[in-house]
């Protein structure tokens, strides 16, 4: 069989992340839900199905701040939560009285959000975040792009690749190492463009 090149790993740059969160609506229950979804996606690097499966009981908001994700192979893993993420989730859970077994993210009809529902939310809020140019075609943004963005951000912060592997729930370390190659290529390109520049902005989740 012929070997083909792996698909391009698409991720968001820091300015794209900042633009997205700046432009997200801030008023209304659904606005709070949508902002929490984006924050969880970026904080944890979770797969979209893992986010759809979340229940209130899977989130620890009293310390240590963490979230439990049910991933591939029926395996569970824990990811730390930023204080900002925990605060959003506290507000979301308090907004509607629910029990521990209730879905964390629900639709307007009070039904559990599916992976397709989350996909539509991501697509709706990221329209216009990227512009096509004569040199590049428009690239749509899916929930999985946030998973890639989390991995790249952690690597740029100097987090060990084995920690990132556990964070994302990768079975193979080889999968995680793809992101190391991406960040290395990016640094080499930056040096080639501006050899005298020594101050780089770190792509870091905030």
N, C-alpha and C. Protein backbone atom coordinates (compact mmCIF):
# COMPACT_ATOMS: atom_id res chain seq x y z
N UNK A 1 0.84 -1.20 0.00
CA UNK A 1 0.00 0.00 0.00
C UNK A 1 0.87 1.25 0.00
N UNK A 2 0.41 2.25 -0.74
CA UNK A 2 1.17 3.49 -0.79
C UNK A 2 0.99 4.25 0.51
N UNK A 3 2.08 4.82 1.00
CA UNK A 3 2.02 5.63 2.19
C UNK A 3 1.70 7.06 1.80
N UNK A 4 0.76 7.65 2.48
CA UNK A 4 0.39 9.04 2.20
C UNK A 4 0.79 9.91 3.38
N UNK A 5 1.00 11.18 3.11
CA UNK A 5 1.37 12.11 4.18
C UNK A 5 0.19 12.29 5.12
N UNK A 6 0.45 12.39 6.42
CA UNK A 6 -0.66 12.60 7.37
C UNK A 6 -1.33 13.94 7.11
N UNK A 7 -2.62 14.06 7.44
CA UNK A 7 -3.30 15.33 7.21
C UNK A 7 -2.67 16.45 8.02
N UNK A 8 -2.76 17.66 7.49
CA UNK A 8 -2.17 18.81 8.17
C UNK A 8 -2.84 19.02 9.53
N UNK A 9 -2.03 19.24 10.54
CA UNK A 9 -2.55 19.49 11.88
C UNK A 9 -2.90 20.96 12.01
N UNK A 10 -4.17 21.23 12.10
CA UNK A 10 -4.66 22.60 12.13
C UNK A 10 -4.87 23.04 13.58
N UNK A 11 -4.36 24.21 13.93
CA UNK A 11 -4.55 24.74 15.27
C UNK A 11 -4.69 26.25 15.19
N UNK A 12 -5.19 26.83 16.28
CA UNK A 12 -5.41 28.27 16.32
C UNK A 12 -4.20 28.99 16.90
N UNK A 13 -3.86 30.10 16.28
CA UNK A 13 -2.81 30.96 16.81
C UNK A 13 -3.37 31.74 18.01
N UNK A 14 -2.46 32.30 18.79
CA UNK A 14 -2.88 33.01 19.99
C UNK A 14 -3.82 34.17 19.68
N UNK A 15 -3.55 34.91 18.60
CA UNK A 15 -4.41 36.04 18.28
C UNK A 15 -5.81 35.58 17.86
N UNK A 16 -5.90 34.40 17.26
CA UNK A 16 -7.21 33.86 16.88
C UNK A 16 -7.99 33.44 18.12
N UNK A 17 -7.31 32.83 19.08
CA UNK A 17 -7.95 32.45 20.33
C UNK A 17 -8.48 33.70 21.05
N UNK A 18 -7.65 34.73 21.13
CA UNK A 18 -8.06 35.95 21.81
C UNK A 18 -9.24 36.61 21.10
N UNK A 19 -9.22 36.62 19.78
CA UNK A 19 -10.32 37.23 19.02
C UNK A 19 -11.62 36.46 19.25
N UNK A 20 -11.52 35.14 19.29
CA UNK A 20 -12.71 34.32 19.50
C UNK A 20 -13.36 34.63 20.84
N UNK A 21 -12.59 34.59 21.92
CA UNK A 21 -13.17 34.80 23.24
C UNK A 21 -13.62 36.25 23.43
N UNK A 22 -12.96 37.17 22.78
CA UNK A 22 -13.37 38.56 22.87
C UNK A 22 -14.74 38.78 22.25
N UNK A 23 -15.03 38.05 21.17
CA UNK A 23 -16.26 38.27 20.43
C UNK A 23 -17.41 37.35 20.84
N UNK A 24 -17.17 36.41 21.74
CA UNK A 24 -18.26 35.55 22.20
C UNK A 24 -19.29 36.38 22.97
N UNK A 25 -20.58 36.14 22.74
CA UNK A 25 -21.61 36.85 23.50
C UNK A 25 -21.46 36.61 25.00
N UNK A 26 -21.88 37.59 25.78
CA UNK A 26 -21.72 37.49 27.24
C UNK A 26 -23.05 37.51 27.99
N UNK A 27 -24.15 37.72 27.29
CA UNK A 27 -25.44 37.82 27.96
C UNK A 27 -26.30 36.61 27.63
N UNK A 28 -27.03 36.11 28.65
CA UNK A 28 -27.96 35.02 28.43
C UNK A 28 -27.40 33.67 28.83
N UNK A 29 -28.31 32.73 29.11
CA UNK A 29 -27.91 31.40 29.56
C UNK A 29 -27.11 30.65 28.50
N UNK A 30 -27.57 30.73 27.25
CA UNK A 30 -26.87 30.02 26.19
C UNK A 30 -25.49 30.62 25.93
N UNK A 31 -25.36 31.91 26.15
CA UNK A 31 -24.06 32.55 25.99
C UNK A 31 -23.08 32.02 27.03
N UNK A 32 -23.55 31.85 28.26
CA UNK A 32 -22.72 31.29 29.32
C UNK A 32 -22.33 29.85 28.98
N UNK A 33 -23.30 29.08 28.49
CA UNK A 33 -23.02 27.70 28.10
C UNK A 33 -21.99 27.62 26.99
N UNK A 34 -22.16 28.45 25.96
CA UNK A 34 -21.25 28.39 24.82
C UNK A 34 -19.84 28.80 25.21
N UNK A 35 -19.72 29.84 26.05
CA UNK A 35 -18.39 30.26 26.50
C UNK A 35 -17.74 29.16 27.33
N UNK A 36 -18.54 28.48 28.14
CA UNK A 36 -18.00 27.38 28.95
C UNK A 36 -17.54 26.23 28.07
N UNK A 37 -18.28 25.95 26.99
CA UNK A 37 -17.88 24.88 26.07
C UNK A 37 -16.53 25.19 25.44
N UNK A 38 -16.37 26.41 24.93
CA UNK A 38 -15.10 26.78 24.31
C UNK A 38 -13.95 26.74 25.32
N UNK A 39 -14.22 27.20 26.53
CA UNK A 39 -13.17 27.21 27.55
C UNK A 39 -12.75 25.80 27.93
N UNK A 40 -13.72 24.90 28.08
CA UNK A 40 -13.40 23.51 28.40
C UNK A 40 -12.63 22.85 27.26
N UNK A 41 -13.05 23.10 26.02
CA UNK A 41 -12.34 22.54 24.87
C UNK A 41 -10.88 22.98 24.85
N UNK A 42 -10.65 24.26 25.10
CA UNK A 42 -9.29 24.80 25.03
C UNK A 42 -8.47 24.43 26.26
N UNK A 43 -9.12 24.42 27.43
CA UNK A 43 -8.44 24.08 28.68
C UNK A 43 -7.97 22.63 28.68
N UNK A 44 -8.84 21.72 28.25
CA UNK A 44 -8.57 20.29 28.40
C UNK A 44 -8.04 19.61 27.15
N UNK A 45 -8.31 20.18 25.98
CA UNK A 45 -7.96 19.49 24.74
C UNK A 45 -8.79 18.24 24.54
N UNK A 46 -9.99 18.21 25.12
CA UNK A 46 -10.84 17.03 25.07
C UNK A 46 -11.40 16.81 23.67
N UNK A 47 -11.66 15.55 23.35
CA UNK A 47 -12.38 15.22 22.13
C UNK A 47 -13.83 15.67 22.29
N UNK A 48 -14.49 15.95 21.18
CA UNK A 48 -15.84 16.49 21.25
C UNK A 48 -16.80 15.51 21.91
N UNK A 49 -16.63 14.22 21.68
CA UNK A 49 -17.51 13.24 22.32
C UNK A 49 -17.29 13.21 23.82
N UNK A 50 -16.05 13.42 24.25
CA UNK A 50 -15.75 13.45 25.68
C UNK A 50 -16.46 14.62 26.35
N UNK A 51 -16.54 15.74 25.65
CA UNK A 51 -17.23 16.92 26.19
C UNK A 51 -18.73 16.67 26.23
N UNK A 52 -19.27 16.06 25.18
CA UNK A 52 -20.70 15.76 25.13
C UNK A 52 -21.12 14.80 26.23
N UNK A 53 -20.23 13.92 26.63
CA UNK A 53 -20.54 12.90 27.65
C UNK A 53 -20.41 13.41 29.08
N UNK A 54 -19.90 14.61 29.27
CA UNK A 54 -19.66 15.11 30.62
C UNK A 54 -20.93 15.24 31.44
N UNK A 55 -20.83 14.83 32.70
CA UNK A 55 -21.89 15.02 33.67
C UNK A 55 -21.37 15.94 34.78
N UNK A 56 -22.29 16.53 35.52
CA UNK A 56 -21.89 17.44 36.60
C UNK A 56 -20.97 16.73 37.59
N UNK A 57 -21.21 15.46 37.83
CA UNK A 57 -20.39 14.70 38.77
C UNK A 57 -18.96 14.54 38.30
N UNK A 58 -18.70 14.78 37.02
CA UNK A 58 -17.34 14.61 36.48
C UNK A 58 -16.46 15.84 36.74
N UNK A 59 -17.03 16.87 37.34
CA UNK A 59 -16.29 18.12 37.54
C UNK A 59 -16.10 18.37 39.03
N UNK A 60 -14.85 18.60 39.43
CA UNK A 60 -14.53 18.97 40.82
C UNK A 60 -14.23 20.46 40.85
N UNK A 61 -15.09 21.22 41.53
CA UNK A 61 -14.96 22.66 41.53
C UNK A 61 -14.61 23.23 42.91
N UNK A 62 -14.39 22.36 43.87
CA UNK A 62 -14.05 22.83 45.21
C UNK A 62 -12.59 22.62 45.55
N UNK A 63 -11.83 22.04 44.62
CA UNK A 63 -10.41 21.84 44.82
C UNK A 63 -10.05 20.43 45.22
N UNK A 64 -9.01 19.87 44.56
CA UNK A 64 -8.34 20.49 43.41
C UNK A 64 -9.26 20.58 42.19
N UNK A 65 -9.10 21.68 41.46
CA UNK A 65 -9.96 21.91 40.29
C UNK A 65 -9.57 20.95 39.18
N UNK A 66 -10.50 20.12 38.78
CA UNK A 66 -10.20 19.14 37.74
C UNK A 66 -11.49 18.64 37.10
N UNK A 67 -11.31 17.97 35.97
CA UNK A 67 -12.44 17.40 35.24
C UNK A 67 -12.05 15.99 34.80
N UNK A 68 -12.99 15.07 34.89
CA UNK A 68 -12.73 13.68 34.50
C UNK A 68 -13.36 13.40 33.14
N UNK A 69 -12.55 12.89 32.23
CA UNK A 69 -12.99 12.65 30.85
C UNK A 69 -12.99 11.16 30.55
N UNK A 70 -14.05 10.71 29.91
CA UNK A 70 -14.18 9.31 29.53
C UNK A 70 -13.80 9.20 28.06
N UNK A 71 -12.61 8.65 27.79
CA UNK A 71 -12.07 8.67 26.43
C UNK A 71 -12.13 7.33 25.73
N UNK A 72 -11.32 7.22 24.69
CA UNK A 72 -11.27 6.01 23.88
C UNK A 72 -10.81 4.82 24.72
N UNK A 73 -11.28 3.63 24.33
CA UNK A 73 -10.88 2.43 25.04
C UNK A 73 -11.46 2.33 26.43
N UNK A 74 -12.56 3.07 26.66
CA UNK A 74 -13.23 3.04 27.97
C UNK A 74 -12.29 3.46 29.09
N UNK A 75 -11.38 4.40 28.78
CA UNK A 75 -10.42 4.86 29.77
C UNK A 75 -10.81 6.25 30.29
N UNK A 76 -10.56 6.45 31.58
CA UNK A 76 -10.82 7.74 32.21
C UNK A 76 -9.49 8.46 32.47
N UNK A 77 -9.53 9.76 32.40
CA UNK A 77 -8.35 10.55 32.76
C UNK A 77 -8.83 11.87 33.38
N UNK A 78 -7.98 12.48 34.16
CA UNK A 78 -8.29 13.76 34.81
C UNK A 78 -7.44 14.86 34.23
N UNK A 79 -8.04 16.01 34.04
CA UNK A 79 -7.31 17.19 33.58
C UNK A 79 -7.53 18.33 34.57
N UNK A 80 -6.48 19.07 34.88
CA UNK A 80 -6.65 20.23 35.76
C UNK A 80 -7.46 21.32 35.06
N UNK A 81 -8.17 22.09 35.85
CA UNK A 81 -8.96 23.20 35.31
C UNK A 81 -8.35 24.52 35.74
N UNK A 82 -8.34 25.48 34.83
CA UNK A 82 -7.94 26.83 35.19
C UNK A 82 -9.02 27.41 36.10
N UNK A 83 -8.67 28.32 37.00
CA UNK A 83 -9.68 28.96 37.85
C UNK A 83 -10.79 29.62 37.03
N UNK A 84 -10.43 30.19 35.87
CA UNK A 84 -11.44 30.84 35.02
C UNK A 84 -12.44 29.81 34.50
N UNK A 85 -11.96 28.62 34.14
CA UNK A 85 -12.85 27.57 33.67
C UNK A 85 -13.78 27.12 34.79
N UNK A 86 -13.22 26.91 35.98
CA UNK A 86 -14.02 26.48 37.12
C UNK A 86 -15.10 27.51 37.46
N UNK A 87 -14.76 28.78 37.38
CA UNK A 87 -15.74 29.82 37.69
C UNK A 87 -16.90 29.81 36.69
N UNK A 88 -16.58 29.64 35.42
CA UNK A 88 -17.63 29.56 34.40
C UNK A 88 -18.55 28.36 34.66
N UNK A 89 -17.96 27.22 34.99
CA UNK A 89 -18.75 26.01 35.22
C UNK A 89 -19.61 26.14 36.48
N UNK A 90 -19.10 26.81 37.50
CA UNK A 90 -19.90 27.05 38.70
C UNK A 90 -21.13 27.87 38.37
N UNK A 91 -20.94 28.91 37.58
CA UNK A 91 -22.07 29.75 37.17
C UNK A 91 -23.05 28.98 36.32
N UNK A 92 -22.53 28.15 35.42
CA UNK A 92 -23.39 27.38 34.54
C UNK A 92 -24.25 26.39 35.32
N UNK A 93 -23.64 25.69 36.27
CA UNK A 93 -24.37 24.69 37.06
C UNK A 93 -25.38 25.36 37.98
N UNK A 94 -25.01 26.52 38.54
CA UNK A 94 -25.91 27.22 39.46
C UNK A 94 -27.08 27.86 38.73
N UNK A 95 -26.92 28.11 37.44
CA UNK A 95 -27.94 28.81 36.68
C UNK A 95 -29.24 28.01 36.62
N UNK A 96 -29.12 26.70 36.52
CA UNK A 96 -30.29 25.81 36.48
C UNK A 96 -30.07 24.69 37.49
N UNK A 97 -31.05 24.50 38.36
CA UNK A 97 -30.92 23.48 39.39
C UNK A 97 -30.89 22.09 38.77
N UNK A 98 -29.77 21.38 38.97
CA UNK A 98 -29.64 20.03 38.41
C UNK A 98 -28.93 19.13 39.42
N UNK A 99 -29.05 17.82 39.20
CA UNK A 99 -28.38 16.89 40.10
C UNK A 99 -27.04 16.45 39.51
N UNK A 100 -26.30 15.65 40.25
CA UNK A 100 -24.95 15.28 39.86
C UNK A 100 -24.91 14.44 38.58
N UNK A 101 -25.98 13.74 38.27
CA UNK A 101 -25.99 12.90 37.08
C UNK A 101 -26.45 13.65 35.83
N UNK A 102 -26.81 14.91 35.98
CA UNK A 102 -27.29 15.70 34.84
C UNK A 102 -26.14 16.02 33.89
N UNK A 103 -26.44 16.12 32.58
CA UNK A 103 -25.41 16.52 31.61
C UNK A 103 -24.87 17.90 31.96
N UNK A 104 -23.59 18.10 31.74
CA UNK A 104 -22.99 19.40 32.00
C UNK A 104 -23.46 20.43 30.98
N UNK A 105 -23.55 20.01 29.73
CA UNK A 105 -23.95 20.93 28.67
C UNK A 105 -25.26 20.46 28.05
N UNK A 106 -26.25 21.35 28.03
CA UNK A 106 -27.58 21.00 27.56
C UNK A 106 -28.04 21.95 26.46
N UNK A 107 -28.99 21.49 25.66
CA UNK A 107 -29.54 22.28 24.58
C UNK A 107 -30.59 23.25 25.11
N UNK A 108 -31.11 24.07 24.21
CA UNK A 108 -32.17 25.01 24.58
C UNK A 108 -33.40 24.26 25.10
N UNK A 109 -33.61 23.04 24.61
CA UNK A 109 -34.76 22.22 25.00
C UNK A 109 -34.47 21.40 26.26
N UNK A 110 -33.36 21.67 26.93
CA UNK A 110 -32.95 20.99 28.16
C UNK A 110 -32.62 19.53 27.91
N UNK A 111 -32.12 19.23 26.72
CA UNK A 111 -31.66 17.89 26.37
C UNK A 111 -30.13 17.89 26.33
N UNK A 112 -29.50 16.73 26.56
CA UNK A 112 -28.04 16.69 26.50
C UNK A 112 -27.53 17.09 25.12
N UNK A 113 -26.53 17.93 25.08
CA UNK A 113 -25.92 18.29 23.80
C UNK A 113 -25.18 17.08 23.23
N UNK A 114 -25.34 16.85 21.94
CA UNK A 114 -24.61 15.79 21.27
C UNK A 114 -23.33 16.36 20.68
N UNK A 115 -22.48 15.48 20.17
CA UNK A 115 -21.26 15.93 19.52
C UNK A 115 -21.58 16.81 18.33
N UNK A 116 -22.69 16.51 17.64
CA UNK A 116 -23.07 17.30 16.48
C UNK A 116 -23.59 18.67 16.90
N UNK A 117 -24.25 18.72 18.06
CA UNK A 117 -24.70 20.00 18.57
C UNK A 117 -23.53 20.90 18.94
N UNK A 118 -22.50 20.32 19.57
CA UNK A 118 -21.30 21.08 19.92
C UNK A 118 -20.58 21.54 18.66
N UNK A 119 -20.53 20.66 17.66
CA UNK A 119 -19.90 21.02 16.38
C UNK A 119 -20.59 22.25 15.78
N UNK A 120 -21.92 22.28 15.81
CA UNK A 120 -22.65 23.42 15.25
C UNK A 120 -22.38 24.70 16.02
N UNK A 121 -22.28 24.58 17.35
CA UNK A 121 -21.98 25.76 18.18
C UNK A 121 -20.60 26.32 17.83
N UNK A 122 -19.62 25.43 17.68
CA UNK A 122 -18.26 25.87 17.32
C UNK A 122 -18.27 26.54 15.95
N UNK A 123 -18.93 25.94 14.99
CA UNK A 123 -18.97 26.51 13.64
C UNK A 123 -19.65 27.88 13.65
N UNK A 124 -20.73 28.01 14.42
CA UNK A 124 -21.48 29.27 14.43
C UNK A 124 -20.65 30.41 15.00
N UNK A 125 -19.89 30.14 16.05
CA UNK A 125 -19.14 31.21 16.71
C UNK A 125 -17.78 31.48 16.07
N UNK A 126 -17.35 30.63 15.15
CA UNK A 126 -16.03 30.84 14.54
C UNK A 126 -16.12 31.31 13.09
N UNK A 127 -17.34 31.54 12.60
CA UNK A 127 -17.50 32.08 11.26
C UNK A 127 -16.86 33.47 11.21
N UNK A 128 -15.99 33.68 10.26
CA UNK A 128 -15.32 34.97 10.13
C UNK A 128 -14.06 35.10 10.94
N UNK A 129 -13.74 34.09 11.75
CA UNK A 129 -12.50 34.16 12.54
C UNK A 129 -11.28 34.09 11.65
N UNK A 130 -11.43 33.37 10.54
CA UNK A 130 -10.37 33.27 9.56
C UNK A 130 -10.87 33.79 8.21
N UNK A 131 -9.98 34.39 7.48
CA UNK A 131 -10.33 34.90 6.15
C UNK A 131 -9.50 34.19 5.10
N UNK A 132 -10.14 33.88 3.98
CA UNK A 132 -9.39 33.28 2.88
C UNK A 132 -8.64 34.36 2.13
N UNK A 133 -7.51 33.99 1.58
CA UNK A 133 -6.68 34.90 0.80
C UNK A 133 -6.39 34.24 -0.54
N UNK A 134 -5.85 34.98 -1.49
CA UNK A 134 -5.50 34.35 -2.77
C UNK A 134 -4.52 33.19 -2.61
N UNK A 135 -3.72 33.23 -1.53
CA UNK A 135 -2.72 32.18 -1.33
C UNK A 135 -3.28 30.98 -0.56
N UNK A 136 -4.27 31.21 0.30
CA UNK A 136 -4.79 30.13 1.13
C UNK A 136 -6.31 30.08 1.06
N UNK A 137 -6.84 28.88 1.05
CA UNK A 137 -8.28 28.70 1.08
C UNK A 137 -8.77 28.80 2.52
N UNK A 138 -10.05 29.12 2.66
CA UNK A 138 -10.63 29.21 4.00
C UNK A 138 -10.60 27.85 4.70
N UNK A 139 -10.15 27.84 5.93
CA UNK A 139 -10.12 26.62 6.72
C UNK A 139 -11.18 26.70 7.82
N UNK A 140 -12.16 25.81 7.76
CA UNK A 140 -13.18 25.79 8.79
C UNK A 140 -12.60 25.33 10.12
N UNK A 141 -13.25 25.69 11.19
CA UNK A 141 -12.77 25.36 12.53
C UNK A 141 -13.74 24.37 13.16
N UNK A 142 -13.22 23.24 13.58
CA UNK A 142 -14.02 22.21 14.23
C UNK A 142 -13.59 22.11 15.69
N UNK A 143 -14.36 21.40 16.53
CA UNK A 143 -13.93 21.22 17.92
C UNK A 143 -12.55 20.59 18.04
N UNK A 144 -12.17 19.74 17.09
CA UNK A 144 -10.87 19.06 17.18
C UNK A 144 -9.70 20.04 17.02
N UNK A 145 -9.95 21.17 16.37
CA UNK A 145 -8.90 22.18 16.22
C UNK A 145 -8.46 22.69 17.59
N UNK A 146 -9.38 22.75 18.53
CA UNK A 146 -9.03 23.20 19.88
C UNK A 146 -8.15 22.17 20.58
N UNK A 147 -8.35 20.90 20.28
CA UNK A 147 -7.48 19.85 20.84
C UNK A 147 -6.05 20.05 20.36
N UNK A 148 -5.89 20.31 19.07
CA UNK A 148 -4.56 20.59 18.54
C UNK A 148 -3.98 21.86 19.17
N UNK A 149 -4.82 22.87 19.34
CA UNK A 149 -4.35 24.15 19.89
C UNK A 149 -3.86 23.99 21.32
N UNK A 150 -4.54 23.16 22.09
CA UNK A 150 -4.12 22.89 23.47
C UNK A 150 -2.75 22.22 23.49
N UNK A 151 -2.56 21.23 22.62
CA UNK A 151 -1.29 20.50 22.59
C UNK A 151 -0.14 21.43 22.22
N UNK A 152 -0.35 22.25 21.20
CA UNK A 152 0.69 23.18 20.78
C UNK A 152 0.99 24.19 21.89
N UNK A 153 -0.06 24.68 22.54
CA UNK A 153 0.14 25.65 23.62
C UNK A 153 0.93 25.07 24.77
N UNK A 154 0.63 23.83 25.16
CA UNK A 154 1.35 23.19 26.25
C UNK A 154 2.82 22.99 25.89
N UNK A 155 3.07 22.59 24.67
CA UNK A 155 4.46 22.40 24.24
C UNK A 155 5.21 23.73 24.24
N UNK A 156 4.56 24.79 23.80
CA UNK A 156 5.21 26.10 23.79
C UNK A 156 5.52 26.60 25.19
N UNK A 157 4.78 26.09 26.16
CA UNK A 157 5.06 26.46 27.56
C UNK A 157 6.16 25.61 28.17
N UNK A 158 6.62 24.60 27.43
CA UNK A 158 7.69 23.75 27.94
C UNK A 158 7.22 22.55 28.72
N UNK A 159 5.93 22.21 28.61
CA UNK A 159 5.40 21.04 29.32
C UNK A 159 5.97 19.78 28.68
N UNK A 160 6.38 18.82 29.50
CA UNK A 160 6.96 17.58 29.01
C UNK A 160 5.97 16.84 28.12
N UNK A 161 6.49 16.22 27.06
CA UNK A 161 5.64 15.56 26.08
C UNK A 161 4.87 14.40 26.69
N UNK A 162 5.43 13.73 27.70
CA UNK A 162 4.72 12.64 28.36
C UNK A 162 3.54 13.15 29.18
N UNK A 163 3.68 14.33 29.75
CA UNK A 163 2.56 14.94 30.47
C UNK A 163 1.45 15.28 29.49
N UNK A 164 1.82 15.81 28.34
CA UNK A 164 0.83 16.16 27.32
C UNK A 164 0.13 14.90 26.80
N UNK A 165 0.89 13.84 26.66
CA UNK A 165 0.30 12.57 26.23
C UNK A 165 -0.81 12.13 27.20
N UNK A 166 -0.53 12.20 28.49
CA UNK A 166 -1.54 11.83 29.48
C UNK A 166 -2.69 12.83 29.49
N UNK A 167 -2.37 14.11 29.31
CA UNK A 167 -3.37 15.18 29.30
C UNK A 167 -4.39 14.94 28.19
N UNK A 168 -3.92 14.58 27.01
CA UNK A 168 -4.80 14.41 25.85
C UNK A 168 -5.34 12.99 25.73
N UNK A 169 -4.80 12.06 26.48
CA UNK A 169 -5.28 10.70 26.41
C UNK A 169 -4.78 9.94 25.20
N UNK A 170 -3.58 10.27 24.71
CA UNK A 170 -3.01 9.56 23.58
C UNK A 170 -2.51 8.18 24.01
N UNK A 171 -2.79 7.19 23.20
CA UNK A 171 -2.27 5.85 23.46
C UNK A 171 -0.79 5.78 23.11
N UNK A 172 -0.44 6.39 21.98
CA UNK A 172 0.93 6.34 21.49
C UNK A 172 1.63 7.68 21.69
N UNK A 173 2.86 7.62 22.17
CA UNK A 173 3.66 8.84 22.32
C UNK A 173 3.96 9.46 20.96
N UNK A 174 4.00 8.63 19.94
CA UNK A 174 4.28 9.11 18.59
C UNK A 174 3.23 10.13 18.15
N UNK A 175 1.99 9.91 18.54
CA UNK A 175 0.92 10.85 18.20
C UNK A 175 1.19 12.21 18.81
N UNK A 176 1.62 12.22 20.07
CA UNK A 176 1.90 13.48 20.76
C UNK A 176 3.11 14.19 20.16
N UNK A 177 4.08 13.42 19.71
CA UNK A 177 5.32 14.00 19.19
C UNK A 177 5.09 14.78 17.89
N UNK A 178 3.96 14.54 17.23
CA UNK A 178 3.67 15.33 16.03
C UNK A 178 3.63 16.82 16.33
N UNK A 179 3.12 17.15 17.53
CA UNK A 179 3.00 18.55 17.90
C UNK A 179 4.37 19.18 18.16
N UNK A 180 5.31 18.37 18.65
CA UNK A 180 6.67 18.88 18.86
C UNK A 180 7.29 19.28 17.53
N UNK A 181 7.02 18.49 16.49
CA UNK A 181 7.55 18.82 15.17
C UNK A 181 6.94 20.10 14.65
N UNK A 182 5.65 20.31 14.93
CA UNK A 182 4.97 21.53 14.48
C UNK A 182 5.57 22.75 15.13
N UNK A 183 5.76 22.71 16.45
CA UNK A 183 6.29 23.87 17.15
C UNK A 183 7.73 24.15 16.74
N UNK A 184 8.50 23.11 16.47
CA UNK A 184 9.88 23.29 16.03
C UNK A 184 9.91 23.97 14.67
N UNK A 185 9.05 23.53 13.76
CA UNK A 185 8.99 24.16 12.43
C UNK A 185 8.59 25.62 12.53
N UNK A 186 7.66 25.91 13.44
CA UNK A 186 7.22 27.28 13.62
C UNK A 186 8.33 28.18 14.13
N UNK A 187 9.13 27.68 15.07
CA UNK A 187 10.23 28.46 15.61
C UNK A 187 11.30 28.70 14.54
N UNK A 188 11.58 27.66 13.76
CA UNK A 188 12.59 27.80 12.71
C UNK A 188 12.14 28.81 11.66
N UNK A 189 10.84 28.81 11.35
CA UNK A 189 10.32 29.76 10.38
C UNK A 189 10.41 31.19 10.91
N UNK A 190 10.15 31.35 12.22
CA UNK A 190 10.22 32.69 12.81
C UNK A 190 11.65 33.22 12.80
N UNK A 191 12.60 32.35 13.09
CA UNK A 191 14.01 32.76 13.07
C UNK A 191 14.43 33.13 11.65
N UNK A 192 13.94 32.38 10.67
CA UNK A 192 14.31 32.65 9.28
C UNK A 192 13.77 34.00 8.82
N UNK A 193 12.58 34.37 9.31
CA UNK A 193 11.98 35.64 8.91
C UNK A 193 12.67 36.80 9.61
N UNK A 194 12.97 36.62 10.89
CA UNK A 194 13.56 37.71 11.66
C UNK A 194 14.67 37.16 12.55
N UNK A 195 15.87 36.98 12.02
CA UNK A 195 16.97 36.39 12.79
C UNK A 195 17.34 37.20 14.03
N UNK A 196 17.09 38.50 13.99
CA UNK A 196 17.50 39.33 15.11
C UNK A 196 16.50 39.30 16.26
N UNK A 197 15.31 38.75 15.99
CA UNK A 197 14.27 38.74 17.02
C UNK A 197 14.55 37.64 18.03
N UNK A 198 14.49 37.96 19.31
CA UNK A 198 14.73 36.97 20.34
C UNK A 198 13.57 36.89 21.33
N UNK A 199 12.52 37.68 21.12
CA UNK A 199 11.38 37.66 22.03
C UNK A 199 10.16 37.12 21.30
N UNK A 200 9.76 35.92 21.67
CA UNK A 200 8.62 35.28 21.01
C UNK A 200 7.44 35.24 21.95
N UNK A 201 6.24 35.45 21.39
CA UNK A 201 5.01 35.32 22.19
C UNK A 201 4.71 33.84 22.35
N UNK A 202 4.48 33.44 23.56
CA UNK A 202 4.17 32.05 23.85
C UNK A 202 2.69 31.80 23.63
N UNK A 203 2.37 30.78 22.89
CA UNK A 203 0.98 30.40 22.69
C UNK A 203 0.57 29.64 23.92
N UNK A 204 -0.04 30.34 24.89
CA UNK A 204 -0.33 29.72 26.17
C UNK A 204 -1.79 29.94 26.53
N UNK A 205 -2.51 28.86 26.89
CA UNK A 205 -3.87 29.04 27.37
C UNK A 205 -3.90 29.91 28.61
N UNK A 206 -4.85 30.80 28.64
CA UNK A 206 -4.99 31.69 29.80
C UNK A 206 -6.37 31.54 30.39
